[in-house]
Amino acid sequence: MPTSSAGTADIAIRGRWPDLVVLLDLPAAASLARVNRTKDRIERRPMEYHERVRKNYLAQAAADPQRYRVVAAERSPEAVHEDVWSAVEPVVAGRTG
């Protein structure tokens, strides 16, 4: 069980932690700027809320670097894809090979 997010999260997922969590990191303002439809109730919350959520996800990743990979998502889709695949491929190869 990871050292971060234990307790309530462990109860919710019943101890079934993923082998890998890929966190696509994007500053809150850039993320909200990508929404090209009417924003839902969560997306309409103050920017401070979104920044706090991002900070909390990054803290989880820092607390459990064996499980998390943070990928900078402000780059081109091709660059993001390359980094995501670099993180996922060893996990997939370990399961099938």
N, C-alpha and C. Protein backbone atom coordinates (compact mmCIF):
# COMPACT_ATOMS: atom_id res chain seq x y z
N MET A 1 0.86 -1.18 0.00
CA MET A 1 0.00 0.00 0.00
C MET A 1 0.90 1.24 0.00
N PRO A 2 0.57 2.23 -0.80
CA PRO A 2 1.38 3.44 -0.84
C PRO A 2 1.32 4.20 0.47
N THR A 3 2.37 4.98 0.71
CA THR A 3 2.41 5.77 1.92
C THR A 3 1.47 6.96 1.84
N SER A 4 1.22 7.47 0.65
CA SER A 4 0.29 8.59 0.51
C SER A 4 -1.09 8.06 0.17
N SER A 5 -2.09 8.84 0.46
CA SER A 5 -3.47 8.51 0.12
C SER A 5 -3.98 7.27 0.83
N ALA A 6 -3.32 6.84 1.89
CA ALA A 6 -3.79 5.67 2.62
C ALA A 6 -5.05 6.04 3.37
N GLY A 7 -5.56 5.10 4.12
CA GLY A 7 -6.75 5.41 4.91
C GLY A 7 -8.01 5.38 4.08
N THR A 8 -8.61 6.53 3.89
CA THR A 8 -9.88 6.62 3.16
C THR A 8 -9.76 6.07 1.75
N ALA A 9 -8.68 6.39 1.05
CA ALA A 9 -8.52 5.88 -0.31
C ALA A 9 -8.41 4.37 -0.31
N ASP A 10 -7.71 3.80 0.64
CA ASP A 10 -7.56 2.35 0.70
C ASP A 10 -8.91 1.68 0.93
N ILE A 11 -9.73 2.29 1.74
CA ILE A 11 -11.08 1.75 1.97
C ILE A 11 -11.88 1.79 0.67
N ALA A 12 -11.78 2.91 -0.05
CA ALA A 12 -12.56 3.08 -1.27
C ALA A 12 -12.16 2.09 -2.36
N ILE A 13 -10.88 1.80 -2.46
CA ILE A 13 -10.43 0.90 -3.54
C ILE A 13 -10.14 -0.51 -3.05
N ARG A 14 -10.37 -0.74 -1.76
CA ARG A 14 -10.23 -2.07 -1.16
C ARG A 14 -8.85 -2.67 -1.39
N GLY A 15 -7.82 -1.82 -1.27
CA GLY A 15 -6.46 -2.31 -1.38
C GLY A 15 -5.98 -2.63 -2.78
N ARG A 16 -6.77 -2.34 -3.78
CA ARG A 16 -6.39 -2.64 -5.17
C ARG A 16 -5.70 -1.43 -5.77
N TRP A 17 -4.46 -1.21 -5.38
CA TRP A 17 -3.70 -0.06 -5.87
C TRP A 17 -3.16 -0.36 -7.27
N PRO A 18 -3.15 0.63 -8.14
CA PRO A 18 -2.62 0.41 -9.49
C PRO A 18 -1.11 0.23 -9.46
N ASP A 19 -0.59 -0.46 -10.46
CA ASP A 19 0.85 -0.61 -10.59
C ASP A 19 1.51 0.71 -10.97
N LEU A 20 0.78 1.54 -11.69
CA LEU A 20 1.33 2.80 -12.17
C LEU A 20 0.21 3.83 -12.28
N VAL A 21 0.53 5.05 -11.88
CA VAL A 21 -0.38 6.18 -12.06
C VAL A 21 0.38 7.20 -12.90
N VAL A 22 -0.16 7.53 -14.07
CA VAL A 22 0.44 8.56 -14.91
C VAL A 22 -0.35 9.84 -14.67
N LEU A 23 0.34 10.84 -14.16
CA LEU A 23 -0.28 12.12 -13.85
C LEU A 23 0.09 13.10 -14.96
N LEU A 24 -0.90 13.50 -15.74
CA LEU A 24 -0.68 14.49 -16.79
C LEU A 24 -0.78 15.86 -16.14
N ASP A 25 0.36 16.50 -15.93
CA ASP A 25 0.41 17.75 -15.17
C ASP A 25 0.30 18.95 -16.10
N LEU A 26 -0.61 19.82 -15.73
CA LEU A 26 -0.87 21.04 -16.50
C LEU A 26 -1.29 22.11 -15.52
N PRO A 27 -0.68 23.30 -15.59
CA PRO A 27 -1.14 24.37 -14.70
C PRO A 27 -2.66 24.56 -14.81
N ALA A 28 -3.27 24.90 -13.70
CA ALA A 28 -4.73 25.00 -13.66
C ALA A 28 -5.29 25.94 -14.71
N ALA A 29 -4.69 27.09 -14.88
CA ALA A 29 -5.21 28.07 -15.85
C ALA A 29 -5.14 27.51 -17.27
N ALA A 30 -4.05 26.83 -17.59
CA ALA A 30 -3.92 26.24 -18.93
C ALA A 30 -4.93 25.12 -19.13
N SER A 31 -5.16 24.34 -18.08
CA SER A 31 -6.13 23.27 -18.17
C SER A 31 -7.53 23.80 -18.43
N LEU A 32 -7.93 24.80 -17.67
CA LEU A 32 -9.28 25.35 -17.84
C LEU A 32 -9.42 26.06 -19.19
N ALA A 33 -8.34 26.61 -19.70
CA ALA A 33 -8.40 27.27 -21.00
C ALA A 33 -8.66 26.26 -22.12
N ARG A 34 -8.35 25.00 -21.90
CA ARG A 34 -8.58 23.96 -22.91
C ARG A 34 -10.03 23.51 -22.96
N VAL A 35 -10.81 23.85 -21.97
CA VAL A 35 -12.23 23.43 -21.96
C VAL A 35 -12.97 24.25 -23.01
N ASN A 36 -13.46 23.57 -24.04
CA ASN A 36 -14.12 24.29 -25.14
C ASN A 36 -15.62 23.99 -25.22
N ARG A 37 -16.21 23.91 -24.07
CA ARG A 37 -17.66 23.72 -23.92
C ARG A 37 -18.06 24.48 -22.66
N THR A 38 -19.32 24.46 -22.33
CA THR A 38 -19.77 25.10 -21.10
C THR A 38 -19.15 24.38 -19.91
N LYS A 39 -18.54 25.13 -19.03
CA LYS A 39 -17.87 24.54 -17.87
C LYS A 39 -18.91 23.98 -16.89
N ASP A 40 -18.59 22.82 -16.32
CA ASP A 40 -19.49 22.22 -15.33
C ASP A 40 -19.26 22.87 -13.96
N ARG A 41 -19.97 22.39 -12.96
CA ARG A 41 -19.91 23.02 -11.64
C ARG A 41 -18.53 22.95 -11.01
N ILE A 42 -17.79 21.89 -11.27
CA ILE A 42 -16.43 21.79 -10.73
C ILE A 42 -15.50 22.75 -11.48
N GLU A 43 -15.62 22.79 -12.77
CA GLU A 43 -14.76 23.67 -13.58
C GLU A 43 -15.02 25.15 -13.29
N ARG A 44 -16.19 25.46 -12.77
CA ARG A 44 -16.51 26.85 -12.45
C ARG A 44 -16.01 27.29 -11.07
N ARG A 45 -15.42 26.37 -10.32
CA ARG A 45 -14.90 26.74 -9.00
C ARG A 45 -13.74 27.72 -9.15
N PRO A 46 -13.41 28.45 -8.08
CA PRO A 46 -12.33 29.45 -8.16
C PRO A 46 -10.99 28.82 -8.53
N MET A 47 -10.14 29.61 -9.16
CA MET A 47 -8.83 29.13 -9.59
C MET A 47 -8.03 28.55 -8.42
N GLU A 48 -8.19 29.13 -7.23
CA GLU A 48 -7.47 28.63 -6.06
C GLU A 48 -7.80 27.17 -5.80
N TYR A 49 -9.04 26.79 -6.01
CA TYR A 49 -9.45 25.40 -5.83
C TYR A 49 -8.66 24.50 -6.78
N HIS A 50 -8.63 24.87 -8.05
CA HIS A 50 -7.95 24.05 -9.06
C HIS A 50 -6.45 23.98 -8.80
N GLU A 51 -5.86 25.07 -8.35
CA GLU A 51 -4.44 25.06 -8.02
C GLU A 51 -4.16 24.16 -6.82
N ARG A 52 -5.06 24.15 -5.85
CA ARG A 52 -4.91 23.29 -4.67
C ARG A 52 -5.02 21.81 -5.07
N VAL A 53 -5.96 21.50 -5.95
CA VAL A 53 -6.11 20.13 -6.42
C VAL A 53 -4.83 19.67 -7.12
N ARG A 54 -4.31 20.52 -8.01
CA ARG A 54 -3.07 20.17 -8.72
C ARG A 54 -1.94 19.94 -7.72
N LYS A 55 -1.80 20.85 -6.77
CA LYS A 55 -0.74 20.74 -5.76
C LYS A 55 -0.88 19.42 -4.98
N ASN A 56 -2.09 19.04 -4.64
CA ASN A 56 -2.31 17.80 -3.90
C ASN A 56 -1.94 16.57 -4.72
N TYR A 57 -2.30 16.56 -6.01
CA TYR A 57 -1.90 15.44 -6.87
C TYR A 57 -0.39 15.36 -6.99
N LEU A 58 0.27 16.49 -7.16
CA LEU A 58 1.73 16.49 -7.26
C LEU A 58 2.37 16.02 -5.96
N ALA A 59 1.77 16.36 -4.82
CA ALA A 59 2.27 15.89 -3.53
C ALA A 59 2.14 14.38 -3.42
N GLN A 60 1.03 13.83 -3.89
CA GLN A 60 0.87 12.37 -3.89
C GLN A 60 1.95 11.72 -4.73
N ALA A 61 2.21 12.30 -5.89
CA ALA A 61 3.24 11.75 -6.78
C ALA A 61 4.62 11.82 -6.13
N ALA A 62 4.91 12.90 -5.46
CA ALA A 62 6.21 13.06 -4.80
C ALA A 62 6.36 12.08 -3.64
N ALA A 63 5.26 11.78 -2.97
CA ALA A 63 5.30 10.87 -1.82
C ALA A 63 5.41 9.41 -2.22
N ASP A 64 5.10 9.08 -3.46
CA ASP A 64 5.12 7.69 -3.92
C ASP A 64 5.71 7.61 -5.33
N PRO A 65 7.00 7.97 -5.49
CA PRO A 65 7.60 8.04 -6.82
C PRO A 65 7.73 6.68 -7.51
N GLN A 66 7.65 5.59 -6.78
CA GLN A 66 7.70 4.27 -7.41
C GLN A 66 6.43 4.00 -8.22
N ARG A 67 5.32 4.56 -7.77
CA ARG A 67 4.04 4.29 -8.41
C ARG A 67 3.62 5.37 -9.40
N TYR A 68 4.03 6.60 -9.18
CA TYR A 68 3.58 7.73 -10.00
C TYR A 68 4.64 8.16 -11.01
N ARG A 69 4.18 8.56 -12.18
CA ARG A 69 5.02 9.24 -13.17
C ARG A 69 4.28 10.53 -13.53
N VAL A 70 4.98 11.64 -13.41
CA VAL A 70 4.40 12.94 -13.74
C VAL A 70 4.88 13.31 -15.14
N VAL A 71 3.93 13.59 -16.02
CA VAL A 71 4.23 13.96 -17.40
C VAL A 71 3.75 15.38 -17.63
N ALA A 72 4.67 16.23 -18.07
CA ALA A 72 4.32 17.63 -18.37
C ALA A 72 3.40 17.64 -19.59
N ALA A 73 2.19 18.14 -19.41
CA ALA A 73 1.17 18.05 -20.45
C ALA A 73 1.00 19.33 -21.25
N GLU A 74 1.85 20.31 -21.05
CA GLU A 74 1.75 21.56 -21.82
C GLU A 74 2.41 21.45 -23.19
N ARG A 75 3.03 20.35 -23.44
CA ARG A 75 3.78 20.16 -24.69
C ARG A 75 2.89 19.59 -25.78
N SER A 76 3.49 19.31 -26.91
CA SER A 76 2.73 18.76 -28.04
C SER A 76 2.17 17.40 -27.67
N PRO A 77 1.06 17.02 -28.30
CA PRO A 77 0.51 15.68 -28.04
C PRO A 77 1.53 14.57 -28.31
N GLU A 78 2.37 14.76 -29.29
CA GLU A 78 3.37 13.74 -29.62
C GLU A 78 4.39 13.58 -28.48
N ALA A 79 4.84 14.70 -27.91
CA ALA A 79 5.80 14.65 -26.82
C ALA A 79 5.18 14.03 -25.57
N VAL A 80 3.94 14.39 -25.29
CA VAL A 80 3.24 13.82 -24.14
C VAL A 80 3.07 12.31 -24.34
N HIS A 81 2.65 11.92 -25.54
CA HIS A 81 2.48 10.50 -25.85
C HIS A 81 3.78 9.74 -25.64
N GLU A 82 4.88 10.28 -26.11
CA GLU A 82 6.18 9.61 -25.96
C GLU A 82 6.52 9.39 -24.48
N ASP A 83 6.30 10.41 -23.66
CA ASP A 83 6.59 10.27 -22.22
C ASP A 83 5.64 9.30 -21.53
N VAL A 84 4.37 9.33 -21.91
CA VAL A 84 3.41 8.39 -21.32
C VAL A 84 3.80 6.96 -21.69
N TRP A 85 4.11 6.75 -22.96
CA TRP A 85 4.48 5.39 -23.37
C TRP A 85 5.77 4.94 -22.69
N SER A 86 6.72 5.85 -22.51
CA SER A 86 7.97 5.50 -21.82
C SER A 86 7.70 5.07 -20.38
N ALA A 87 6.68 5.63 -19.77
CA ALA A 87 6.31 5.25 -18.40
C ALA A 87 5.53 3.94 -18.37
N VAL A 88 4.66 3.74 -19.34
CA VAL A 88 3.75 2.59 -19.33
C VAL A 88 4.40 1.32 -19.89
N GLU A 89 5.21 1.47 -20.89
CA GLU A 89 5.76 0.30 -21.58
C GLU A 89 6.48 -0.69 -20.67
N PRO A 90 7.34 -0.24 -19.74
CA PRO A 90 7.99 -1.22 -18.85
C PRO A 90 6.99 -2.00 -17.98
N VAL A 91 5.92 -1.35 -17.58
CA VAL A 91 4.90 -2.00 -16.76
C VAL A 91 4.18 -3.06 -17.61
N VAL A 92 3.81 -2.67 -18.83
CA VAL A 92 3.11 -3.59 -19.72
C VAL A 92 4.04 -4.75 -20.09
N ALA A 93 5.29 -4.47 -20.39
CA ALA A 93 6.24 -5.52 -20.77
C ALA A 93 6.46 -6.49 -19.61
N GLY A 94 6.47 -5.97 -18.40
CA GLY A 94 6.64 -6.82 -17.23
C GLY A 94 5.47 -7.76 -17.00
N ARG A 95 4.29 -7.36 -17.45
CA ARG A 95 3.08 -8.18 -17.28
C ARG A 95 2.97 -9.26 -18.35
N THR A 96 3.47 -8.94 -19.56
CA THR A 96 3.25 -9.86 -20.68
C THR A 96 4.51 -10.62 -21.09
N GLY A 97 5.67 -10.17 -20.62
CA GLY A 97 6.90 -10.75 -21.12
C GLY A 97 7.63 -11.59 -20.19
